[in-house]
C-alpha atoms as a PDB file:
ATOM      1  CA  MET A   1      54.043  91.599  96.488  1.00  0.00           C
ATOM      2  CA  ASN A   2      57.685  90.854  97.148  1.00  0.00           C
ATOM      3  CA  PRO A   3      57.891  89.196 100.607  1.00  0.00           C
ATOM      4  CA  ARG A   4      61.152  91.034 101.250  1.00  0.00           C
ATOM      5  CA  ALA A   5      59.564  94.442 100.658  1.00  0.00           C
ATOM      6  CA  LEU A   6      59.281  96.653 103.730  1.00  0.00           C
ATOM      7  CA  ASP A   7      57.067  99.518 104.714  1.00  0.00           C
ATOM      8  CA  HIS A   8      59.086 102.412 103.362  1.00  0.00           C
ATOM      9  CA  LYS A   9      60.215 104.944 105.923  1.00  0.00           C
ATOM     10  CA  ALA A  10      60.130 108.523 104.709  1.00  0.00           C
ATOM     11  CA  CYS A  11      63.524 109.912 103.713  1.00  0.00           C
ATOM     12  CA  ALA A  12      63.187 112.673 106.303  1.00  0.00           C
ATOM     13  CA  ASP A  13      63.111 110.019 109.081  1.00  0.00           C
ATOM     14  CA  CYS A  14      65.862 107.792 107.649  1.00  0.00           C
ATOM     15  CA  ALA A  15      69.133 107.498 109.604  1.00  0.00           C
ATOM     16  CA  SER A  16      71.074 107.093 106.338  1.00  0.00           C
ATOM     17  CA  ARG A  17      69.768 110.321 104.855  1.00  0.00           C
ATOM     18  CA  PRO A  18      73.051 112.346 105.095  1.00  0.00           C
ATOM     19  CA  HIS A  19      74.867 109.674 103.047  1.00  0.00           C
ATOM     20  CA  CYS A  20      72.123 108.961 100.503  1.00  0.00           C
ATOM     21  CA  LEU A  21      71.774 110.433  97.017  1.00  0.00           C
ATOM     22  CA  LEU A  22      68.022 110.822  97.494  1.00  0.00           C
ATOM     23  CA  GLY A  23      68.151 112.005 101.086  1.00  0.00           C
ATOM     24  CA  ARG A  24      70.412 114.934 100.224  1.00  0.00           C
ATOM     25  CA  GLN A  25      67.914 116.412  97.760  1.00  0.00           C
ATOM     26  CA  GLU A  26      65.747 119.408  98.561  1.00  0.00           C
ATOM     27  CA  LYS A  27      62.476 118.706 100.325  1.00  0.00           C
ATOM     28  CA  ALA A  28      60.272 119.305  97.278  1.00  0.00           C
ATOM     29  CA  LEU A  29      62.352 117.053  95.016  1.00  0.00           C
ATOM     30  CA  ARG A  30      62.621 114.403  97.732  1.00  0.00           C
ATOM     31  CA  ALA A  31      58.817 114.375  98.078  1.00  0.00           C
ATOM     32  CA  ALA A  32      58.502 113.854  94.317  1.00  0.00           C
ATOM     33  CA  TRP A  33      60.891 110.864  94.446  1.00  0.00           C
ATOM     34  CA  GLU A  34      59.350 109.073  97.418  1.00  0.00           C
ATOM     35  CA  PRO A  35      56.331 107.450  95.661  1.00  0.00           C
ATOM     36  CA  TYR A  36      58.756 105.549  93.403  1.00  0.00           C
ATOM     37  CA  ILE A  37      61.077 104.262  96.169  1.00  0.00           C
ATOM     38  CA  ARG A  38      60.835 100.685  97.392  1.00  0.00           C
ATOM     39  CA  GLU A  39      62.820  99.513 100.409  1.00  0.00           C
ATOM     40  CA  ARG A  40      63.614  95.813 100.793  1.00  0.00           C
ATOM     41  CA  ARG A  41      65.839  93.392 102.653  1.00  0.00           C
ATOM     42  CA  VAL A  42      68.862  91.691 101.053  1.00  0.00           C
ATOM     43  CA  GLN A  43      70.340  88.407 102.201  1.00  0.00           C
ATOM     44  CA  ARG A  44      73.964  87.440 102.486  1.00  0.00           C
ATOM     45  CA  GLY A  45      75.175  86.135  99.120  1.00  0.00           C
ATOM     46  CA  GLU A  46      72.419  87.831  97.117  1.00  0.00           C
ATOM     47  CA  VAL A  47      73.523  89.215  93.756  1.00  0.00           C
ATOM     48  CA  LEU A  48      72.325  92.813  93.446  1.00  0.00           C
ATOM     49  CA  GLN A  49      73.619  93.350  89.940  1.00  0.00           C
ATOM     50  CA  ARG A  50      75.563  91.341  87.380  1.00  0.00           C
ATOM     51  CA  GLN A  51      78.253  92.837  85.142  1.00  0.00           C
ATOM     52  CA  GLY A  52      77.058  93.166  81.553  1.00  0.00           C
ATOM     53  CA  ALA A  53      73.366  92.791  82.397  1.00  0.00           C
ATOM     54  CA  GLU A  54      70.749  95.469  81.903  1.00  0.00           C
ATOM     55  CA  GLN A  55      69.699  97.219  85.100  1.00  0.00           C
ATOM     56  CA  ALA A  56      66.026  97.456  85.965  1.00  0.00           C
ATOM     57  CA  PHE A  57      66.632  99.374  89.205  1.00  0.00           C
ATOM     58  CA  VAL A  58      68.895 101.983  90.689  1.00  0.00           C
ATOM     59  CA  GLN A  59      69.765 100.729  94.176  1.00  0.00           C
ATOM     60  CA  ILE A  60      71.057 102.656  97.165  1.00  0.00           C
ATOM     61  CA  VAL A  61      72.600 100.670 100.015  1.00  0.00           C
ATOM     62  CA  LYS A  62      70.905 101.664 103.255  1.00  0.00           C
ATOM     63  CA  VAL A  63      72.353  99.053 105.622  1.00  0.00           C
ATOM     64  CA  GLY A  64      74.894  96.314 104.962  1.00  0.00           C
ATOM     65  CA  THR A  65      78.092  95.687 103.025  1.00  0.00           C
ATOM     66  CA  VAL A  66      78.410  94.854  99.331  1.00  0.00           C
ATOM     67  CA  LEU A  67      81.322  93.171  97.561  1.00  0.00           C
ATOM     68  CA  LEU A  68      82.235  94.845  94.248  1.00  0.00           C
ATOM     69  CA  GLN A  69      83.547  92.494  91.557  1.00  0.00           C
ATOM     70  CA  ARG A  70      84.889  92.880  88.048  1.00  0.00           C
ATOM     71  CA  SER A  71      85.522  90.194  85.422  1.00  0.00           C
ATOM     72  CA  ALA A  72      87.828  90.261  82.403  1.00  0.00           C
ATOM     73  CA  GLY A  73      88.206  88.017  79.353  1.00  0.00           C
ATOM     74  CA  ASP A  74      88.327  84.863  81.476  1.00  0.00           C
ATOM     75  CA  GLY A  75      84.834  85.557  82.807  1.00  0.00           C
ATOM     76  CA  VAL A  76      85.884  85.129  86.455  1.00  0.00           C
ATOM     77  CA  ASP A  77      84.518  87.711  88.909  1.00  0.00           C
ATOM     78  CA  ARG A  78      87.339  89.026  91.087  1.00  0.00           C
ATOM     79  CA  PRO A  79      86.850  91.300  94.129  1.00  0.00           C
ATOM     80  CA  ILE A  80      87.955  94.914  93.756  1.00  0.00           C
ATOM     81  CA  GLY A  81      86.423  96.563  96.832  1.00  0.00           C
ATOM     82  CA  LEU A  82      83.648  96.847  99.396  1.00  0.00           C
ATOM     83  CA  ALA A  83      80.817  99.377  99.489  1.00  0.00           C
ATOM     84  CA  GLY A  84      78.330 100.230 102.199  1.00  0.00           C
ATOM     85  CA  CYS A  85      75.871 102.777 103.484  1.00  0.00           C
ATOM     86  CA  GLY A  86      74.898 105.374 100.861  1.00  0.00           C
ATOM     87  CA  GLN A  87      76.559 103.640  97.892  1.00  0.00           C
ATOM     88  CA  THR A  88      74.526 103.990  94.669  1.00  0.00           C
ATOM     89  CA  LEU A  89      74.421 100.925  92.391  1.00  0.00           C
ATOM     90  CA  GLY A  90      73.061 100.597  88.866  1.00  0.00           C
ATOM     91  CA  THR A  91      73.650 104.148  87.659  1.00  0.00           C
ATOM     92  CA  PRO A  92      74.763 102.973  84.155  1.00  0.00           C
ATOM     93  CA  GLY A  93      71.139 101.943  83.657  1.00  0.00           C
ATOM     94  CA  LEU A  94      70.133 105.607  83.655  1.00  0.00           C
ATOM     95  CA  LEU A  95      72.297 106.008  80.547  1.00  0.00           C
ATOM     96  CA  GLU A  96      70.896 102.799  78.992  1.00  0.00           C
ATOM     97  CA  GLN A  97      74.214 101.039  79.573  1.00  0.00           C
ATOM     98  CA  PRO A  98      74.799  97.563  81.060  1.00  0.00           C
ATOM     99  CA  ALA A  99      76.140  97.178  84.575  1.00  0.00           C
ATOM    100  CA  ASP A 100      79.880  97.838  84.848  1.00  0.00           C
ATOM    101  CA  LEU A 101      80.352  95.738  88.018  1.00  0.00           C
ATOM    102  CA  SER A 102      78.909  92.711  89.751  1.00  0.00           C
ATOM    103  CA  CYS A 103      77.695  93.427  93.287  1.00  0.00           C
ATOM    104  CA  VAL A 104      77.083  90.742  95.924  1.00  0.00           C
ATOM    105  CA  ALA A 105      75.855  91.306  99.481  1.00  0.00           C
ATOM    106  CA  VAL A 106      78.388  89.886 101.965  1.00  0.00           C
ATOM    107  CA  LEU A 107      76.283  90.893 104.987  1.00  0.00           C
ATOM    108  CA  PRO A 108      72.513  91.075 105.464  1.00  0.00           C
ATOM    109  CA  GLY A 109      71.117  94.557 104.921  1.00  0.00           C
ATOM    110  CA  ARG A 110      68.585  96.746 103.184  1.00  0.00           C
ATOM    111  CA  VAL A 111      68.488  98.698  99.937  1.00  0.00           C
ATOM    112  CA  CYS A 112      66.193 101.324  98.454  1.00  0.00           C
ATOM    113  CA  GLU A 113      65.261 100.710  94.813  1.00  0.00           C
ATOM    114  CA  ILE A 114      63.894 102.995  92.114  1.00  0.00           C
ATOM    115  CA  ASP A 115      62.670 101.656  88.774  1.00  0.00           C
ATOM    116  CA  VAL A 116      64.864 102.923  85.931  1.00  0.00           C
ATOM    117  CA  ALA A 117      61.962 102.999  83.460  1.00  0.00           C
ATOM    118  CA  THR A 118      59.920 105.142  85.839  1.00  0.00           C
ATOM    119  CA  LEU A 119      62.789 107.594  86.167  1.00  0.00           C
ATOM    120  CA  ALA A 120      63.154 107.741  82.396  1.00  0.00           C
ATOM    121  CA  ARG A 121      59.461 108.614  81.964  1.00  0.00           C
ATOM    122  CA  SER A 122      59.450 111.225  84.703  1.00  0.00           C
ATOM    123  CA  GLU A 123      61.405 114.463  84.880  1.00  0.00           C
ATOM    124  CA  LEU A 124      63.014 113.761  88.240  1.00  0.00           C
ATOM    125  CA  LEU A 125      66.549 113.524  86.821  1.00  0.00           C
ATOM    126  CA  SER A 126      67.291 117.107  85.978  1.00  0.00           C
ATOM    127  CA  GLY A 127      69.278 120.016  87.300  1.00  0.00           C
ATOM    128  CA  THR A 128      70.502 119.446  90.856  1.00  0.00           C
ATOM    129  CA  ALA A 129      69.717 115.721  90.824  1.00  0.00           C
ATOM    130  CA  LEU A 130      71.929 115.104  87.778  1.00  0.00           C
ATOM    131  CA  LEU A 131      74.768 117.105  89.307  1.00  0.00           C
ATOM    132  CA  ASP A 132      74.509 115.106  92.536  1.00  0.00           C
ATOM    133  CA  LEU A 133      74.495 111.886  90.532  1.00  0.00           C
ATOM    134  CA  ALA A 134      77.723 112.925  88.804  1.00  0.00           C
ATOM    135  CA  ARG A 135      79.331 113.653  92.189  1.00  0.00           C
ATOM    136  CA  GLU A 136      78.195 110.230  93.389  1.00  0.00           C
ATOM    137  CA  GLN A 137      80.011 108.609  90.474  1.00  0.00           C
ATOM    138  CA  LEU A 138      83.185 110.514  91.294  1.00  0.00           C
ATOM    139  CA  ARG A 139      83.024 109.225  94.865  1.00  0.00           C
ATOM    140  CA  ALA A 140      82.546 105.686  93.546  1.00  0.00           C
ATOM    141  CA  TYR A 141      85.684 105.980  91.383  1.00  0.00           C
ATOM    142  CA  ALA A 142      87.651 107.372  94.339  1.00  0.00           C
ATOM    143  CA  LEU A 143      86.518 104.402  96.444  1.00  0.00           C
ATOM    144  CA  LEU A 144      87.827 101.926  93.865  1.00  0.00           C
ATOM    145  CA  ALA A 145      91.116 103.862  93.705  1.00  0.00           C
ATOM    146  CA  ASP A 146      91.453 103.599  97.496  1.00  0.00           C
ATOM    147  CA  TRP A 147      90.993  99.824  97.356  1.00  0.00           C
ATOM    148  CA  ALA A 148      93.603  99.589  94.601  1.00  0.00           C
ATOM    149  CA  ARG A 149      95.995 101.635  96.753  1.00  0.00           C
ATOM    150  CA  ILE A 150      95.613  99.189  99.663  1.00  0.00           C
ATOM    151  CA  LEU A 151      97.262  96.420  97.640  1.00  0.00           C
ATOM    152  CA  ARG A 152     100.398  98.600  97.304  1.00  0.00           C
ATOM    153  CA  VAL A 153     100.877  98.755 101.080  1.00  0.00           C
ATOM    154  CA  ARG A 154     103.819  96.672 102.219  1.00  0.00           C
ATOM    155  CA  GLY A 155     102.963  93.639 104.341  1.00  0.00           C
ATOM    156  CA  ALA A 156      99.730  91.756 104.983  1.00  0.00           C
ATOM    157  CA  THR A 157      99.163  93.447 108.357  1.00  0.00           C
ATOM    158  CA  GLY A 158      99.410  96.938 106.850  1.00  0.00           C
ATOM    159  CA  GLN A 159      97.098  95.957 103.996  1.00  0.00           C
ATOM    160  CA  LEU A 160      94.489  94.602 106.406  1.00  0.00           C
ATOM    161  CA  ALA A 161      94.758  97.770 108.511  1.00  0.00           C
ATOM    162  CA  GLY A 162      93.982  99.871 105.439  1.00  0.00           C
ATOM    163  CA  ALA A 163      91.121  97.567 104.441  1.00  0.00           C
ATOM    164  CA  LEU A 164      89.535  97.845 107.890  1.00  0.00           C
ATOM    165  CA  LEU A 165      89.690 101.634 107.692  1.00  0.00           C
ATOM    166  CA  LEU A 166      87.823 101.565 104.387  1.00  0.00           C
ATOM    167  CA  LEU A 167      85.352  99.055 105.824  1.00  0.00           C
ATOM    168  CA  ALA A 168      84.670 101.395 108.759  1.00  0.00           C
ATOM    169  CA  ASP A 169      84.036 104.228 106.285  1.00  0.00           C
ATOM    170  CA  ALA A 170      81.639 102.018 104.316  1.00  0.00           C
ATOM    171  CA  GLN A 171      79.700 101.088 107.462  1.00  0.00           C
ATOM    172  CA  ARG A 172      79.839 104.662 108.825  1.00  0.00           C
ATOM    173  CA  SER A 173      81.005 103.438 112.229  1.00  0.00           C
ATOM    174  CA  THR A 174      84.157 102.546 114.145  1.00  0.00           C
ATOM    175  CA  ARG A 175      82.372  99.425 115.378  1.00  0.00           C
ATOM    176  CA  VAL A 176      82.535  97.265 112.274  1.00  0.00           C
ATOM    177  CA  ARG A 177      80.893  94.016 111.287  1.00  0.00           C
ATOM    178  CA  LEU A 178      83.661  91.890 109.783  1.00  0.00           C
ATOM    179  CA  PRO A 179      83.027  89.914 106.601  1.00  0.00           C
ATOM    180  CA  SER A 180      84.351  86.370 106.402  1.00  0.00           C
ATOM    181  CA  HIS A 181      88.086  85.692 106.258  1.00  0.00           C
ATOM    182  CA  ALA A 182      87.540  84.277 102.763  1.00  0.00           C
ATOM    183  CA  VAL A 183      86.173  87.631 101.532  1.00  0.00           C
ATOM    184  CA  LEU A 184      89.038  89.597 103.093  1.00  0.00           C
ATOM    185  CA  ALA A 185      91.577  87.124 101.701  1.00  0.00           C
ATOM    186  CA  ALA A 186      90.123  87.458  98.192  1.00  0.00           C
ATOM    187  CA  LEU A 187      90.219  91.263  98.423  1.00  0.00           C
ATOM    188  CA  LEU A 188      93.855  91.310  99.555  1.00  0.00           C
ATOM    189  CA  ALA A 189      95.014  88.452  97.295  1.00  0.00           C
ATOM    190  CA  THR A 190      96.198  86.359 100.223  1.00  0.00           C
ATOM    191  CA  THR A 191      95.014  83.364 102.276  1.00  0.00           C
ATOM    192  CA  ARG A 192      92.511  83.020 105.105  1.00  0.00           C
ATOM    193  CA  GLU A 193      95.310  81.901 107.426  1.00  0.00           C
ATOM    194  CA  THR A 194      97.238  85.108 106.714  1.00  0.00           C
ATOM    195  CA  VAL A 195      94.111  87.164 107.415  1.00  0.00           C
ATOM    196  CA  ALA A 196      93.597  85.369 110.742  1.00  0.00           C
ATOM    197  CA  ARG A 197      97.228  85.983 111.756  1.00  0.00           C
ATOM    198  CA  SER A 198      97.007  89.645 110.735  1.00  0.00           C
ATOM    199  CA  ILE A 199      93.835  90.166 112.788  1.00  0.00           C
ATOM    200  CA  THR A 200      95.611  88.656 115.804  1.00  0.00           C
ATOM    201  CA  GLN A 201      98.584  90.932 115.176  1.00  0.00           C
ATOM    202  CA  LEU A 202      96.386  94.039 114.917  1.00  0.00           C
ATOM    203  CA  THR A 203      94.656  93.092 118.156  1.00  0.00           C
ATOM    204  CA  ARG A 204      98.023  92.687 119.897  1.00  0.00           C
ATOM    205  CA  LEU A 205      99.126  96.106 118.591  1.00  0.00           C
ATOM    206  CA  ASN A 206      95.927  97.710 119.973  1.00  0.00           C
ATOM    207  CA  GLY A 207      94.604  98.486 116.520  1.00  0.00           C
ATOM    208  CA  LEU A 208      91.474  96.404 117.149  1.00  0.00           C
ATOM    209  CA  VAL A 209      89.297  95.676 120.156  1.00  0.00           C
ATOM    210  CA  ARG A 210      87.465  92.402 119.558  1.00  0.00           C
ATOM    211  CA  HIS A 211      83.913  92.145 120.913  1.00  0.00           C
ATOM    212  CA  ASP A 212      83.122  88.757 119.413  1.00  0.00           C
ATOM    213  CA  ARG A 213      83.993  86.737 116.347  1.00  0.00           C
ATOM    214  CA  TRP A 214      82.325  89.128 113.911  1.00  0.00           C
ATOM    215  CA  HIS A 215      82.386  92.555 115.599  1.00  0.00           C
ATOM    216  CA  CYS A 216      85.301  94.745 116.590  1.00  0.00           C
ATOM    217  CA  GLU A 217      86.090  98.344 117.440  1.00  0.00           C
ATOM    218  CA  ILE A 218      88.841  99.890 115.335  1.00  0.00           C
ATOM    219  CA  VAL A 219      91.434 102.326 116.677  1.00  0.00           C
ATOM    220  CA  ARG A 220      91.732 104.629 113.711  1.00  0.00           C
ATOM    221  CA  ASP A 221      95.057 106.321 114.538  1.00  0.00           C
ATOM    222  CA  THR A 222      96.852 103.018 115.087  1.00  0.00           C
ATOM    223  CA  LEU A 223      95.479 101.440 111.910  1.00  0.00           C
ATOM    224  CA  ALA A 224      96.249 104.570 109.882  1.00  0.00           C
ATOM    225  CA  GLY A 225      99.862 104.459 111.041  1.00  0.00           C
ATOM    226  CA  LEU A 226     100.207 100.761 110.170  1.00  0.00           C
ATOM    227  CA  ALA A 227      98.642 101.352 106.758  1.00  0.00           C
ATOM    228  CA  GLU A 228     101.256 104.048 106.141  1.00  0.00           C
ATOM    229  CA  GLY A 229     104.138 101.842 107.279  1.00  0.00           C
ATOM    230  CA  VAL A 230     104.614 103.468 110.703  1.00  0.00           C
ATOM    231  CA  PRO A 231     105.240 100.775 113.375  1.00  0.00           C
ATOM    232  CA  ALA A 232     102.859 100.768 116.313  1.00  0.00           C
ATOM    233  CA  ALA A 233     104.042 101.424 119.851  1.00  0.00           C
ATOM    234  CA  GLY A 234     103.747  97.761 120.801  1.00  0.00           C
ATOM    235  CA  ALA A 235     105.603  96.463 117.773  1.00  0.00           C
ATOM    236  CA  ALA A 236     108.797  94.535 118.443  1.00  0.00           C
ATOM    237  CA  SER A 237     111.940  96.444 117.476  1.00  0.00           C
ATOM    238  CA  PRO A 238     115.022  94.711 116.052  1.00  0.00           C
ATOM    239  CA  PRO A 239     117.475  93.524 118.776  1.00  0.00           C
ATOM    240  CA  GLU A 240     120.367  95.868 119.534  1.00  0.00           C
ATOM    241  CA  ARG A 241     123.976  94.732 119.215  1.00  0.00           C
ATOM    242  CA  PRO A 242     125.478  94.082 122.679  1.00  0.00           C
ATOM    243  CA  ALA A 243     128.052  96.690 123.744  1.00  0.00           C
ATOM    244  CA  ALA A 244     130.550  93.931 124.604  1.00  0.00           C
ATOM    245  CA  LEU A 245     130.723  92.936 120.958  1.00  0.00           C
ATOM    246  CA  GLU A 246     131.467  96.509 119.932  1.00  0.00           C
ATOM    247  CA  THR A 247     134.683  96.579 122.020  1.00  0.00           C
ATOM    248  CA  ALA A 248     135.782  92.968 121.669  1.00  0.00           C
ATOM    249  CA  GLY A 249     137.503  93.552 118.368  1.00  0.00           C
ATOM    250  CA  PRO A 250     136.614  92.298 114.923  1.00  0.00           C
ATOM    251  CA  VAL A 251     134.254  89.397 114.635  1.00  0.00           C
ATOM    252  CA  ALA A 252     135.688  86.276 113.097  1.00  0.00           C
ATOM    253  CA  THR A 253     134.422  85.960 109.553  1.00  0.00           C
ATOM    254  CA  ALA A 254     135.367  84.028 106.469  1.00  0.00           C
ATOM    255  CA  ALA A 255     137.408  87.033 105.330  1.00  0.00           C
ATOM    256  CA  ASN A 256     139.836  86.923 108.305  1.00  0.00           C
ATOM    257  CA  VAL A 257     139.773  83.211 109.174  1.00  0.00           C
ATOM    258  CA  VAL A 258     140.176  81.511 105.817  1.00  0.00           C
ATOM    259  CA  PRO A 259     143.657  82.256 104.391  1.00  0.00           C
ATOM    260  CA  ALA A 260     143.763  84.149 101.184  1.00  0.00           C
ATOM    261  CA  ALA A 261     144.335  82.115  98.060  1.00  0.00           C
ATOM    262  CA  LEU A 262     147.901  81.949  96.798  1.00  0.00           C
ATOM    263  CA  PRO A 263     148.590  84.327  93.917  1.00  0.00           C
ATOM    264  CA  LEU A 264     148.656  82.775  90.482  1.00  0.00           C
ATOM    265  CA  PRO A 265     151.024  83.869  87.755  1.00  0.00           C
ATOM    266  CA  SER A 266     149.490  86.316  85.355  1.00  0.00           C
ATOM    267  CA  LEU A 267     148.422  84.851  82.038  1.00  0.00           C
ATOM    268  CA  ALA A 268     147.926  88.268  80.431  1.00  0.00           C
ATOM    269  CA  PRO A 269     150.075  89.021  77.361  1.00  0.00           C
ATOM    270  CA  HIS A 270     153.461  90.351  78.507  1.00  0.00           C
ATOM    271  CA  ALA A 271     154.614  93.776  77.538  1.00  0.00           C
ATOM    272  CA  ALA A 272     156.904  94.227  74.569  1.00  0.00           C
ATOM    273  CA  GLY A 273     160.532  93.457  75.482  1.00  0.00           C
ATOM    274  CA  ALA A 274     159.669  91.885  78.819  1.00  0.00           C
ATOM    275  CA  ALA A 275     160.371  88.283  79.572  1.00  0.00           C
ATOM    276  CA  PRO A 276     157.241  86.157  79.708  1.00  0.00           C
ATOM    277  CA  ALA A 277     156.218  84.789  83.082  1.00  0.00           C
ATOM    278  CA  ARG A 278     157.577  81.300  83.642  1.00  0.00           C
ATOM    279  CA  LEU A 279     155.389  78.600  85.088  1.00  0.00           C
ATOM    280  CA  PRO A 280     156.882  76.203  87.651  1.00  0.00           C
ATOM    281  CA  ALA A 281     158.653  73.223  86.092  1.00  0.00           C
ATOM    282  CA  PHE A 282     156.558  70.094  85.869  1.00  0.00           C
ATOM    283  CA  ARG A 283     157.963  67.121  87.740  1.00  0.00           C
ATOM    284  CA  PRO A 284     156.224  63.810  87.096  1.00  0.00           C
ATOM    285  CA  LEU A 285     155.327  61.822  90.130  1.00  0.00           C
ATOM    286  CA  THR A 286     157.208  58.548  90.561  1.00  0.00           C
ATOM    287  CA  PRO A 287     155.344  55.618  91.992  1.00  0.00           C
ATOM    288  CA  ARG A 288     156.520  54.598  95.413  1.00  0.00           C
ATOM    289  CA  ALA A 289     157.696  51.035  95.845  1.00  0.00           C
ATOM    290  CA  THR A 290     155.359  48.885  97.803  1.00  0.00           C
ATOM    291  CA  PRO A 291     157.181  46.605 100.286  1.00  0.00           C
ATOM    292  CA  ALA A 292     156.653  42.908  99.642  1.00  0.00           C
ATOM    293  CA  SER A 293     154.366  41.216 102.078  1.00  0.00           C
ATOM    294  CA  PRO A 294     155.972  38.476 104.201  1.00  0.00           C
ATOM    295  CA  ALA A 295     155.333  34.871 103.210  1.00  0.00           C
ATOM    296  CA  ARG A 296     152.345  33.332 104.859  1.00  0.00           C
ATOM    297  CA  ARG A 297     153.332  30.785 107.485  1.00  0.00           C
ATOM    298  CA  GLU A 298     151.252  27.704 107.863  1.00  0.00           C
ATOM    299  CA  PRO A 299     150.148  26.529 111.295  1.00  0.00           C
ATOM    300  CA  ALA A 300     152.342  23.887 112.980  1.00  0.00           C
ATOM    301  CA  ALA A 301     149.571  21.310 112.831  1.00  0.00           C
ATOM    302  CA  VAL A 302     149.415  21.601 109.049  1.00  0.00           C
ATOM    303  CA  ARG A 303     153.229  21.274 108.694  1.00  0.00           C
ATOM    304  CA  ALA A 304     153.335  18.185 110.914  1.00  0.00           C
ATOM    305  CA  ALA A 305     150.785  16.489 108.728  1.00  0.00           C
END
């Protein structure tokens, strides 16, 4: 038996039921699913699925946060978003397709697993369950679109504000467990130092209330405004121009201090019948005579010798 397997709690008693694909099913269908569900713990850094690999299980995140990654021709997994409570992973396996994303747990948590082969042999995926599965996929695509939108927000502080809002939605709480600065920096294509400065800035603007290093309470209205480019109430405004300068006359600039260049004669072709412009006559410079230096006088002692 897998040492990480847990005694499964019935879906009717599960706190994540309103957000779960299985928990939202009718009682009769939910009772038919339950014998095939296995609940287990996941550790930080555990790979739940690998892009391109066949999926043996459909997994539903019960507790925790998962980093979604996608690789291209270079084979490097790059972060594209975070998922949390209620997110369904491994659905391409139901269509006998390889995994479309790599998923890594960034926080400890728990998942519920259902064997894909068992589902294929049974008749549990039909009617309402298939329709709910299709809706779940639409929500997953909308989540990825939201993470892509965050990168179009202007400024690192606004981007982090939007990311924290999505993280709160994934964890279904305004008290969020922060992932590492390295994870946030990779998601926002920035550095850990910039993430640390932005968190300090959000705290100063009353967008966050820090409880400890890893937990904070988000102020949704403030973060939403920052993510939309609206400055917070505590943000510093640009300094106003003193009234004395407005009445003291024009400010000295290069335009009114440096004299204008002298006009040059036009070199454009002259009009027919008009005399061409004459350039000033050239006068060669004559060398100035250098006065002869006086003869050097020898000291009296030398002359007496």
